[in-house]
Amino acid sequence: MTRITILLGPMRIPFLILTPACVSLGVGSAIWTSGEVRVLFVIFAFIGALCAHISVNSLNEYFDYKSGLDFRTKRTPFSGGSGALPGRPYMARHALIIGLGAFALTGIVGIYFVLVRGWLLLPLGMLGLFVIFFYTIWFTHNPVLCLIAPGLGFGILMVMGTDFVLTGSYSYTAFVASLVPFFLVSNLLLLNQFPDVEPDESVGRRHLPVILGVRASSLIYAAFLLLTYVSIALGVQLHCLPRFSLMGLFTITIAVPAFAGAYRFGGNIKRLMPYLGLNVVIVIVTPLLVATGLFLG
């Protein structure tokens, strides 16, 4: 089991739970707008999304190891990578193979759906592949792109892509639903950058906590939380989401203390840990509640 754990390390298995949470929004959107979906397409869409997540994780592990960042960060349960490579240099090639293999599988699934559903899916798919491959080596060196890239991948691209392959068209419902993980997953990476400011800066990364500091970045974190809940409420008000999707607002009860903790303890890694955990709960549970509302109609 230890060897298997080591081999799977670059995939960051515990973090893959984010994929079904986001895909469920696309499936829920398709069901609410079209009434039914093909189960086989749901399975293929999930496989493609999971491969995309595995690819970006594994490539991130590889590039962070090659840049030397892995040797400078202090790992936490939420940041600093899996720790699989620094003590096992031979694993670097393994991580690269996993990343490129999953990248290829993502592309194959995308090509299949382009052939089945039409060329309108192609721009979304090409952008997704671009974000996967260049996230670590390019996006992390631009503060704005680094902020929005995670949300773009897991929100706009994954949710709207799932909805499109199930329905054959784009919809306002899928777009509004995708805003939930857009803001939340961007927040997930933003807050997880707080413990790594110094090592990230040392290898040339230029995300917001490096540029603005953790106190100012925590205010952006708060703004993205607010925009998440505004998106849900407006979505229901504009009839893009069913009223049951208002269940997503329940996580406000933990979003408030999560922001307060990030604002107060952003520079204290030890005291920040519980709030990083709360943030993970928000990021996973909120999309699932909104998706549940879509399934219930």
C-alpha atoms as a PDB file:
ATOM      1  CA  MET A   1       0.000   0.000   0.000  1.00  0.00           C
ATOM      2  CA  THR A   2       2.879   2.345   0.750  1.00  0.00           C
ATOM      3  CA  ARG A   3       4.295   1.870  -2.745  1.00  0.00           C
ATOM      4  CA  ILE A   4       0.874   2.443  -4.308  1.00  0.00           C
ATOM      5  CA  THR A   5       0.452   5.608  -2.248  1.00  0.00           C
ATOM      6  CA  ILE A   6       3.843   6.840  -3.463  1.00  0.00           C
ATOM      7  CA  LEU A   7       3.025   6.062  -7.096  1.00  0.00           C
ATOM      8  CA  LEU A   8      -0.317   7.854  -6.887  1.00  0.00           C
ATOM      9  CA  GLY A   9       1.131  10.776  -4.927  1.00  0.00           C
ATOM     10  CA  PRO A  10       1.511  13.209  -7.853  1.00  0.00           C
ATOM     11  CA  MET A  11      -2.210  12.875  -8.582  1.00  0.00           C
ATOM     12  CA  ARG A  12      -3.050  14.349  -5.145  1.00  0.00           C
ATOM     13  CA  ILE A  13      -5.907  11.889  -4.679  1.00  0.00           C
ATOM     14  CA  PRO A  14      -7.578  13.647  -1.675  1.00  0.00           C
ATOM     15  CA  PHE A  15      -8.020  16.815  -3.751  1.00  0.00           C
ATOM     16  CA  LEU A  16      -9.788  15.023  -6.598  1.00  0.00           C
ATOM     17  CA  ILE A  17     -13.073  15.235  -4.671  1.00  0.00           C
ATOM     18  CA  LEU A  18     -13.388  18.698  -6.195  1.00  0.00           C
ATOM     19  CA  THR A  19     -14.061  17.199  -9.641  1.00  0.00           C
ATOM     20  CA  PRO A  20     -17.365  15.424  -8.883  1.00  0.00           C
ATOM     21  CA  ALA A  21     -18.562  18.498  -6.970  1.00  0.00           C
ATOM     22  CA  CYS A  22     -18.066  20.662 -10.076  1.00  0.00           C
ATOM     23  CA  VAL A  23     -19.257  18.085 -12.610  1.00  0.00           C
ATOM     24  CA  SER A  24     -22.454  17.642 -10.581  1.00  0.00           C
ATOM     25  CA  LEU A  25     -23.324  21.273 -11.323  1.00  0.00           C
ATOM     26  CA  GLY A  26     -23.057  20.667 -15.058  1.00  0.00           C
ATOM     27  CA  VAL A  27     -25.144  17.510 -14.805  1.00  0.00           C
ATOM     28  CA  GLY A  28     -27.731  19.267 -12.631  1.00  0.00           C
ATOM     29  CA  SER A  29     -27.900  22.177 -15.064  1.00  0.00           C
ATOM     30  CA  ALA A  30     -28.447  19.820 -17.999  1.00  0.00           C
ATOM     31  CA  ILE A  31     -31.174  17.894 -16.185  1.00  0.00           C
ATOM     32  CA  TRP A  32     -32.986  21.059 -15.081  1.00  0.00           C
ATOM     33  CA  THR A  33     -32.959  22.604 -18.562  1.00  0.00           C
ATOM     34  CA  SER A  34     -33.435  19.527 -20.755  1.00  0.00           C
ATOM     35  CA  GLY A  35     -35.209  17.072 -18.453  1.00  0.00           C
ATOM     36  CA  GLU A  36     -32.961  14.076 -19.133  1.00  0.00           C
ATOM     37  CA  VAL A  37     -29.372  13.178 -19.955  1.00  0.00           C
ATOM     38  CA  ARG A  38     -27.540  10.180 -21.375  1.00  0.00           C
ATOM     39  CA  VAL A  39     -25.818   8.252 -18.593  1.00  0.00           C
ATOM     40  CA  LEU A  40     -22.977   7.208 -20.902  1.00  0.00           C
ATOM     41  CA  PHE A  41     -22.242  10.864 -21.683  1.00  0.00           C
ATOM     42  CA  VAL A  42     -22.249  11.677 -17.960  1.00  0.00           C
ATOM     43  CA  ILE A  43     -19.649   8.945 -17.382  1.00  0.00           C
ATOM     44  CA  PHE A  44     -17.457  10.145 -20.258  1.00  0.00           C
ATOM     45  CA  ALA A  45     -17.740  13.759 -19.102  1.00  0.00           C
ATOM     46  CA  PHE A  46     -16.683  12.775 -15.595  1.00  0.00           C
ATOM     47  CA  ILE A  47     -13.729  10.752 -16.916  1.00  0.00           C
ATOM     48  CA  GLY A  48     -12.580  13.706 -19.012  1.00  0.00           C
ATOM     49  CA  ALA A  49     -12.908  16.122 -16.101  1.00  0.00           C
ATOM     50  CA  LEU A  50     -11.105  13.764 -13.720  1.00  0.00           C
ATOM     51  CA  CYS A  51      -8.252  13.271 -16.193  1.00  0.00           C
ATOM     52  CA  ALA A  52      -7.960  17.047 -16.535  1.00  0.00           C
ATOM     53  CA  HIS A  53      -7.700  17.416 -12.749  1.00  0.00           C
ATOM     54  CA  ILE A  54      -5.128  14.615 -12.488  1.00  0.00           C
ATOM     55  CA  SER A  55      -3.115  16.160 -15.319  1.00  0.00           C
ATOM     56  CA  VAL A  56      -2.921  19.644 -13.815  1.00  0.00           C
ATOM     57  CA  ASN A  57      -2.022  18.173 -10.406  1.00  0.00           C
ATOM     58  CA  SER A  58       0.725  15.923 -11.760  1.00  0.00           C
ATOM     59  CA  LEU A  59       2.210  18.563 -14.050  1.00  0.00           C
ATOM     60  CA  ASN A  60       2.186  20.996 -11.128  1.00  0.00           C
ATOM     61  CA  GLU A  61       4.095  18.439  -9.038  1.00  0.00           C
ATOM     62  CA  TYR A  62       6.642  17.944 -11.818  1.00  0.00           C
ATOM     63  CA  PHE A  63       7.249  21.623 -12.566  1.00  0.00           C
ATOM     64  CA  ASP A  64       7.401  22.569  -8.873  1.00  0.00           C
ATOM     65  CA  TYR A  65      10.036  19.889  -8.359  1.00  0.00           C
ATOM     66  CA  LYS A  66      12.075  20.992 -11.390  1.00  0.00           C
ATOM     67  CA  SER A  67      11.960  24.655 -10.301  1.00  0.00           C
ATOM     68  CA  GLY A  68      13.209  23.760  -6.827  1.00  0.00           C
ATOM     69  CA  LEU A  69      10.052  25.066  -5.151  1.00  0.00           C
ATOM     70  CA  ASP A  70       9.328  21.715  -3.493  1.00  0.00           C
ATOM     71  CA  PHE A  71      12.575  22.013  -1.546  1.00  0.00           C
ATOM     72  CA  ARG A  72      11.662  25.439  -0.161  1.00  0.00           C
ATOM     73  CA  THR A  73       8.031  25.038   0.889  1.00  0.00           C
ATOM     74  CA  LYS A  74       6.791  23.848   4.235  1.00  0.00           C
ATOM     75  CA  ARG A  75       4.047  21.379   3.430  1.00  0.00           C
ATOM     76  CA  THR A  76       0.627  21.632   5.061  1.00  0.00           C
ATOM     77  CA  PRO A  77      -2.497  19.507   4.478  1.00  0.00           C
ATOM     78  CA  PHE A  78      -3.663  22.221   2.064  1.00  0.00           C
ATOM     79  CA  SER A  79      -0.531  23.564   0.383  1.00  0.00           C
ATOM     80  CA  GLY A  80       2.980  22.678  -0.673  1.00  0.00           C
ATOM     81  CA  GLY A  81       2.095  19.762  -2.953  1.00  0.00           C
ATOM     82  CA  SER A  82       2.082  16.067  -2.127  1.00  0.00           C
ATOM     83  CA  GLY A  83       5.737  15.874  -1.095  1.00  0.00           C
ATOM     84  CA  ALA A  84       6.166  12.768  -3.239  1.00  0.00           C
ATOM     85  CA  LEU A  85       9.080  14.005  -5.345  1.00  0.00           C
ATOM     86  CA  PRO A  86      11.720  15.784  -3.196  1.00  0.00           C
ATOM     87  CA  GLY A  87      12.848  12.587  -1.462  1.00  0.00           C
ATOM     88  CA  ARG A  88      12.365  10.424  -4.557  1.00  0.00           C
ATOM     89  CA  PRO A  89      13.962  12.097  -7.610  1.00  0.00           C
ATOM     90  CA  TYR A  90      13.156   9.061  -9.761  1.00  0.00           C
ATOM     91  CA  MET A  91       9.461   9.919  -9.326  1.00  0.00           C
ATOM     92  CA  ALA A  92       9.772  13.137 -11.351  1.00  0.00           C
ATOM     93  CA  ARG A  93       9.610  11.279 -14.654  1.00  0.00           C
ATOM     94  CA  HIS A  94       6.683   9.255 -13.295  1.00  0.00           C
ATOM     95  CA  ALA A  95       4.799  12.457 -12.420  1.00  0.00           C
ATOM     96  CA  LEU A  96       5.455  13.856 -15.896  1.00  0.00           C
ATOM     97  CA  ILE A  97       4.188  10.665 -17.553  1.00  0.00           C
ATOM     98  CA  ILE A  98       1.021  10.723 -15.444  1.00  0.00           C
ATOM     99  CA  GLY A  99       0.468  14.390 -16.248  1.00  0.00           C
ATOM    100  CA  LEU A 100       0.966  13.998 -19.990  1.00  0.00           C
ATOM    101  CA  GLY A 101      -0.980  10.726 -20.116  1.00  0.00           C
ATOM    102  CA  ALA A 102      -3.968  12.247 -18.330  1.00  0.00           C
ATOM    103  CA  PHE A 103      -3.634  15.321 -20.574  1.00  0.00           C
ATOM    104  CA  ALA A 104      -3.846  13.084 -23.649  1.00  0.00           C
ATOM    105  CA  LEU A 105      -6.892  11.241 -22.281  1.00  0.00           C
ATOM    106  CA  THR A 106      -8.586  14.571 -21.604  1.00  0.00           C
ATOM    107  CA  GLY A 107      -7.955  15.542 -25.219  1.00  0.00           C
ATOM    108  CA  ILE A 108      -9.310  12.230 -26.514  1.00  0.00           C
ATOM    109  CA  VAL A 109     -12.539  12.630 -24.530  1.00  0.00           C
ATOM    110  CA  GLY A 110     -12.802  16.192 -25.819  1.00  0.00           C
ATOM    111  CA  ILE A 111     -12.339  15.105 -29.446  1.00  0.00           C
ATOM    112  CA  TYR A 112     -15.028  12.460 -28.985  1.00  0.00           C
ATOM    113  CA  PHE A 113     -17.531  15.022 -27.748  1.00  0.00           C
ATOM    114  CA  VAL A 114     -16.610  17.507 -30.485  1.00  0.00           C
ATOM    115  CA  LEU A 115     -17.396  14.815 -33.059  1.00  0.00           C
ATOM    116  CA  VAL A 116     -20.634  13.858 -31.294  1.00  0.00           C
ATOM    117  CA  ARG A 117     -21.891  17.272 -30.167  1.00  0.00           C
ATOM    118  CA  GLY A 118     -20.365  19.667 -32.654  1.00  0.00           C
ATOM    119  CA  TRP A 119     -17.601  22.223 -33.159  1.00  0.00           C
ATOM    120  CA  LEU A 120     -19.044  24.776 -30.756  1.00  0.00           C
ATOM    121  CA  LEU A 121     -17.410  22.769 -27.976  1.00  0.00           C
ATOM    122  CA  LEU A 122     -13.932  23.137 -29.499  1.00  0.00           C
ATOM    123  CA  PRO A 123     -13.040  26.643 -28.168  1.00  0.00           C
ATOM    124  CA  LEU A 124     -13.965  25.592 -24.636  1.00  0.00           C
ATOM    125  CA  GLY A 125     -11.923  22.411 -24.909  1.00  0.00           C
ATOM    126  CA  MET A 126      -8.865  24.098 -26.394  1.00  0.00           C
ATOM    127  CA  LEU A 127      -8.884  26.748 -23.692  1.00  0.00           C
ATOM    128  CA  GLY A 128      -9.153  24.015 -21.062  1.00  0.00           C
ATOM    129  CA  LEU A 129      -6.102  22.173 -22.414  1.00  0.00           C
ATOM    130  CA  PHE A 130      -4.180  25.440 -22.558  1.00  0.00           C
ATOM    131  CA  VAL A 131      -4.949  26.203 -18.894  1.00  0.00           C
ATOM    132  CA  ILE A 132      -3.989  22.680 -17.798  1.00  0.00           C
ATOM    133  CA  PHE A 133      -0.575  22.703 -19.449  1.00  0.00           C
ATOM    134  CA  PHE A 134       0.469  26.296 -18.826  1.00  0.00           C
ATOM    135  CA  TYR A 135      -0.995  26.877 -15.344  1.00  0.00           C
ATOM    136  CA  THR A 136       2.204  26.253 -13.384  1.00  0.00           C
ATOM    137  CA  ILE A 137       4.779  27.511 -15.877  1.00  0.00           C
ATOM    138  CA  TRP A 138       2.943  30.663 -16.992  1.00  0.00           C
ATOM    139  CA  PHE A 139      -0.298  31.514 -15.175  1.00  0.00           C
ATOM    140  CA  THR A 140       1.352  31.506 -11.736  1.00  0.00           C
ATOM    141  CA  HIS A 141       3.652  34.319 -12.864  1.00  0.00           C
ATOM    142  CA  ASN A 142       0.778  36.738 -13.475  1.00  0.00           C
ATOM    143  CA  PRO A 143      -1.293  37.786 -10.438  1.00  0.00           C
ATOM    144  CA  VAL A 144      -4.602  38.208 -12.283  1.00  0.00           C
ATOM    145  CA  LEU A 145      -4.310  35.032 -14.360  1.00  0.00           C
ATOM    146  CA  CYS A 146      -3.142  33.079 -11.319  1.00  0.00           C
ATOM    147  CA  LEU A 147      -6.230  34.244  -9.435  1.00  0.00           C
ATOM    148  CA  ILE A 148      -8.827  33.372 -12.073  1.00  0.00           C
ATOM    149  CA  ALA A 149      -7.274  30.326 -13.785  1.00  0.00           C
ATOM    150  CA  PRO A 150      -8.400  27.754 -11.164  1.00  0.00           C
ATOM    151  CA  GLY A 151     -11.954  29.077 -11.216  1.00  0.00           C
ATOM    152  CA  LEU A 152     -11.929  29.235 -14.991  1.00  0.00           C
ATOM    153  CA  GLY A 153     -10.889  25.582 -15.202  1.00  0.00           C
ATOM    154  CA  PHE A 154     -13.171  24.112 -12.556  1.00  0.00           C
ATOM    155  CA  GLY A 155     -15.995  26.607 -13.005  1.00  0.00           C
ATOM    156  CA  ILE A 156     -16.622  28.028 -16.456  1.00  0.00           C
ATOM    157  CA  LEU A 157     -14.894  25.272 -18.432  1.00  0.00           C
ATOM    158  CA  MET A 158     -15.811  22.191 -16.403  1.00  0.00           C
ATOM    159  CA  VAL A 159     -19.420  23.098 -15.575  1.00  0.00           C
ATOM    160  CA  MET A 160     -20.343  24.609 -18.927  1.00  0.00           C
ATOM    161  CA  GLY A 161     -18.424  21.886 -20.759  1.00  0.00           C
ATOM    162  CA  THR A 162     -20.305  19.161 -18.905  1.00  0.00           C
ATOM    163  CA  ASP A 163     -23.629  20.849 -19.594  1.00  0.00           C
ATOM    164  CA  PHE A 164     -22.793  21.259 -23.290  1.00  0.00           C
ATOM    165  CA  VAL A 165     -21.811  17.626 -23.885  1.00  0.00           C
ATOM    166  CA  LEU A 166     -25.066  16.529 -22.236  1.00  0.00           C
ATOM    167  CA  THR A 167     -27.385  18.986 -24.002  1.00  0.00           C
ATOM    168  CA  GLY A 168     -25.564  20.014 -27.179  1.00  0.00           C
ATOM    169  CA  SER A 169     -25.886  23.734 -26.461  1.00  0.00           C
ATOM    170  CA  TYR A 170     -24.818  26.454 -24.041  1.00  0.00           C
ATOM    171  CA  SER A 171     -27.256  27.850 -21.479  1.00  0.00           C
ATOM    172  CA  TYR A 172     -27.546  30.726 -19.049  1.00  0.00           C
ATOM    173  CA  THR A 173     -28.272  28.189 -16.314  1.00  0.00           C
ATOM    174  CA  ALA A 174     -24.926  26.469 -16.841  1.00  0.00           C
ATOM    175  CA  PHE A 175     -23.126  29.817 -16.934  1.00  0.00           C
ATOM    176  CA  VAL A 176     -24.675  31.059 -13.691  1.00  0.00           C
ATOM    177  CA  ALA A 177     -24.061  27.692 -12.023  1.00  0.00           C
ATOM    178  CA  SER A 178     -20.435  27.797 -13.169  1.00  0.00           C
ATOM    179  CA  LEU A 179     -19.896  31.093 -11.365  1.00  0.00           C
ATOM    180  CA  VAL A 180     -20.153  29.269  -8.029  1.00  0.00           C
ATOM    181  CA  PRO A 181     -16.989  27.171  -8.510  1.00  0.00           C
ATOM    182  CA  PHE A 182     -15.404  30.001 -10.501  1.00  0.00           C
ATOM    183  CA  PHE A 183     -15.269  32.207  -7.420  1.00  0.00           C
ATOM    184  CA  LEU A 184     -14.836  29.422  -4.863  1.00  0.00           C
ATOM    185  CA  VAL A 185     -12.049  27.465  -6.561  1.00  0.00           C
ATOM    186  CA  SER A 186     -10.200  30.708  -7.301  1.00  0.00           C
ATOM    187  CA  ASN A 187     -10.539  31.392  -3.583  1.00  0.00           C
ATOM    188  CA  LEU A 188      -9.309  27.902  -2.733  1.00  0.00           C
ATOM    189  CA  LEU A 189      -5.996  28.440  -4.499  1.00  0.00           C
ATOM    190  CA  LEU A 190      -5.767  32.041  -3.291  1.00  0.00           C
ATOM    191  CA  LEU A 191      -6.031  31.117   0.381  1.00  0.00           C
ATOM    192  CA  ASN A 192      -3.774  28.088  -0.028  1.00  0.00           C
ATOM    193  CA  GLN A 193      -1.064  30.439  -1.327  1.00  0.00           C
ATOM    194  CA  PHE A 194      -0.864  32.254   2.015  1.00  0.00           C
ATOM    195  CA  PRO A 195       1.546  29.757   3.655  1.00  0.00           C
ATOM    196  CA  ASP A 196       3.833  29.715   0.590  1.00  0.00           C
ATOM    197  CA  VAL A 197       4.417  33.416  -0.056  1.00  0.00           C
ATOM    198  CA  GLU A 198       8.179  33.451   0.549  1.00  0.00           C
ATOM    199  CA  PRO A 199       9.098  30.230  -1.304  1.00  0.00           C
ATOM    200  CA  ASP A 200       6.768  31.103  -4.201  1.00  0.00           C
ATOM    201  CA  GLU A 201       8.356  34.541  -4.539  1.00  0.00           C
ATOM    202  CA  SER A 202      11.828  32.986  -4.503  1.00  0.00           C
ATOM    203  CA  VAL A 203      11.103  31.041  -7.718  1.00  0.00           C
ATOM    204  CA  GLY A 204       9.439  33.935  -9.526  1.00  0.00           C
ATOM    205  CA  ARG A 205       5.767  33.357  -8.820  1.00  0.00           C
ATOM    206  CA  ARG A 206       3.715  36.532  -8.739  1.00  0.00           C
ATOM    207  CA  HIS A 207       0.315  35.722  -7.282  1.00  0.00           C
ATOM    208  CA  LEU A 208      -1.698  38.208  -5.232  1.00  0.00           C
ATOM    209  CA  PRO A 209      -0.366  37.271  -1.764  1.00  0.00           C
ATOM    210  CA  VAL A 210       3.148  37.922  -3.121  1.00  0.00           C
ATOM    211  CA  ILE A 211       2.196  41.221  -4.785  1.00  0.00           C
ATOM    212  CA  LEU A 212      -0.321  42.633  -2.286  1.00  0.00           C
ATOM    213  CA  GLY A 213       0.370  40.705   0.907  1.00  0.00           C
ATOM    214  CA  VAL A 214      -1.936  38.347   2.754  1.00  0.00           C
ATOM    215  CA  ARG A 215      -4.023  41.046   4.475  1.00  0.00           C
ATOM    216  CA  ALA A 216      -5.105  42.701   1.208  1.00  0.00           C
ATOM    217  CA  SER A 217      -5.508  39.280  -0.440  1.00  0.00           C
ATOM    218  CA  SER A 218      -7.900  38.239   2.327  1.00  0.00           C
ATOM    219  CA  LEU A 219     -10.172  41.125   1.285  1.00  0.00           C
ATOM    220  CA  ILE A 220     -10.208  39.774  -2.274  1.00  0.00           C
ATOM    221  CA  TYR A 221     -11.031  36.391  -0.757  1.00  0.00           C
ATOM    222  CA  ALA A 222     -14.001  38.018   1.006  1.00  0.00           C
ATOM    223  CA  ALA A 223     -15.134  39.695  -2.233  1.00  0.00           C
ATOM    224  CA  PHE A 224     -15.103  36.371  -4.081  1.00  0.00           C
ATOM    225  CA  LEU A 225     -17.096  34.740  -1.282  1.00  0.00           C
ATOM    226  CA  LEU A 226     -19.668  37.523  -1.540  1.00  0.00           C
ATOM    227  CA  LEU A 227     -19.831  37.207  -5.328  1.00  0.00           C
ATOM    228  CA  THR A 228     -20.455  33.466  -4.960  1.00  0.00           C
ATOM    229  CA  TYR A 229     -23.572  33.995  -2.885  1.00  0.00           C
ATOM    230  CA  VAL A 230     -24.732  36.965  -4.973  1.00  0.00           C
ATOM    231  CA  SER A 231     -24.471  34.740  -8.070  1.00  0.00           C
ATOM    232  CA  ILE A 232     -26.703  32.117  -6.473  1.00  0.00           C
ATOM    233  CA  ALA A 233     -29.302  34.638  -5.298  1.00  0.00           C
ATOM    234  CA  LEU A 234     -29.367  36.503  -8.617  1.00  0.00           C
ATOM    235  CA  GLY A 235     -29.496  33.223 -10.507  1.00  0.00           C
ATOM    236  CA  VAL A 236     -32.678  32.285  -8.670  1.00  0.00           C
ATOM    237  CA  GLN A 237     -34.105  35.803  -9.000  1.00  0.00           C
ATOM    238  CA  LEU A 238     -33.523  35.726 -12.776  1.00  0.00           C
ATOM    239  CA  HIS A 239     -34.988  32.194 -13.023  1.00  0.00           C
ATOM    240  CA  CYS A 240     -31.665  30.771 -14.230  1.00  0.00           C
ATOM    241  CA  LEU A 241     -31.567  28.539 -11.156  1.00  0.00           C
ATOM    242  CA  PRO A 242     -34.428  26.850  -9.271  1.00  0.00           C
ATOM    243  CA  ARG A 243     -35.360  28.098  -5.822  1.00  0.00           C
ATOM    244  CA  PHE A 244     -33.950  24.952  -4.232  1.00  0.00           C
ATOM    245  CA  SER A 245     -30.493  26.129  -5.307  1.00  0.00           C
ATOM    246  CA  LEU A 246     -30.717  28.730  -2.566  1.00  0.00           C
ATOM    247  CA  MET A 247     -29.536  25.870  -0.336  1.00  0.00           C
ATOM    248  CA  GLY A 248     -26.087  26.929  -1.481  1.00  0.00           C
ATOM    249  CA  LEU A 249     -26.446  29.999   0.748  1.00  0.00           C
ATOM    250  CA  PHE A 250     -26.288  27.777   3.845  1.00  0.00           C
ATOM    251  CA  THR A 251     -22.490  27.800   3.769  1.00  0.00           C
ATOM    252  CA  ILE A 252     -22.488  31.523   4.565  1.00  0.00           C
ATOM    253  CA  THR A 253     -22.507  30.358   8.189  1.00  0.00           C
ATOM    254  CA  ILE A 254     -18.961  29.058   7.795  1.00  0.00           C
ATOM    255  CA  ALA A 255     -17.840  31.540   5.122  1.00  0.00           C
ATOM    256  CA  VAL A 256     -17.964  34.412   7.624  1.00  0.00           C
ATOM    257  CA  PRO A 257     -15.615  32.776  10.157  1.00  0.00           C
ATOM    258  CA  ALA A 258     -13.398  31.554   7.289  1.00  0.00           C
ATOM    259  CA  PHE A 259     -12.881  35.140   6.129  1.00  0.00           C
ATOM    260  CA  ALA A 260     -12.391  36.407   9.682  1.00  0.00           C
ATOM    261  CA  GLY A 261      -9.710  33.786  10.273  1.00  0.00           C
ATOM    262  CA  ALA A 262      -7.965  34.528   6.966  1.00  0.00           C
ATOM    263  CA  TYR A 263      -7.964  38.261   7.756  1.00  0.00           C
ATOM    264  CA  ARG A 264      -6.658  37.855  11.303  1.00  0.00           C
ATOM    265  CA  PHE A 265      -4.214  34.982  10.870  1.00  0.00           C
ATOM    266  CA  GLY A 266      -3.157  35.148   7.209  1.00  0.00           C
ATOM    267  CA  GLY A 267       0.481  35.514   8.217  1.00  0.00           C
ATOM    268  CA  ASN A 268       0.407  32.852  10.934  1.00  0.00           C
ATOM    269  CA  ILE A 269       0.480  29.438   9.270  1.00  0.00           C
ATOM    270  CA  LYS A 270      -0.316  27.450  12.389  1.00  0.00           C
ATOM    271  CA  ARG A 271      -3.354  29.534  13.341  1.00  0.00           C
ATOM    272  CA  LEU A 272      -4.522  29.741   9.723  1.00  0.00           C
ATOM    273  CA  MET A 273      -4.857  25.953   9.338  1.00  0.00           C
ATOM    274  CA  PRO A 274      -8.430  25.579  10.725  1.00  0.00           C
ATOM    275  CA  TYR A 275      -9.657  28.275   8.343  1.00  0.00           C
ATOM    276  CA  LEU A 276      -8.010  26.624   5.363  1.00  0.00           C
ATOM    277  CA  GLY A 277     -10.020  23.547   6.356  1.00  0.00           C
ATOM    278  CA  LEU A 278     -13.236  25.585   6.570  1.00  0.00           C
ATOM    279  CA  ASN A 279     -12.511  26.965   3.124  1.00  0.00           C
ATOM    280  CA  VAL A 280     -12.251  23.457   1.677  1.00  0.00           C
ATOM    281  CA  VAL A 281     -15.664  22.620   3.160  1.00  0.00           C
ATOM    282  CA  ILE A 282     -17.152  25.743   1.561  1.00  0.00           C
ATOM    283  CA  VAL A 283     -15.632  24.941  -1.832  1.00  0.00           C
ATOM    284  CA  ILE A 284     -16.941  21.367  -1.870  1.00  0.00           C
ATOM    285  CA  VAL A 285     -20.308  21.706  -0.128  1.00  0.00           C
ATOM    286  CA  THR A 286     -21.615  24.875  -1.792  1.00  0.00           C
ATOM    287  CA  PRO A 287     -21.547  23.506  -5.387  1.00  0.00           C
ATOM    288  CA  LEU A 288     -23.059  20.237  -4.162  1.00  0.00           C
ATOM    289  CA  LEU A 289     -25.936  22.110  -2.501  1.00  0.00           C
ATOM    290  CA  VAL A 290     -26.570  24.208  -5.628  1.00  0.00           C
ATOM    291  CA  ALA A 291     -26.406  21.038  -7.746  1.00  0.00           C
ATOM    292  CA  THR A 292     -28.873  19.343  -5.400  1.00  0.00           C
ATOM    293  CA  GLY A 293     -31.208  22.272  -5.949  1.00  0.00           C
ATOM    294  CA  LEU A 294     -30.914  21.773  -9.704  1.00  0.00           C
ATOM    295  CA  PHE A 295     -31.661  18.049  -9.390  1.00  0.00           C
ATOM    296  CA  LEU A 296     -34.722  18.793  -7.227  1.00  0.00           C
ATOM    297  CA  GLY A 297     -35.881  21.507  -9.618  1.00  0.00           C
END
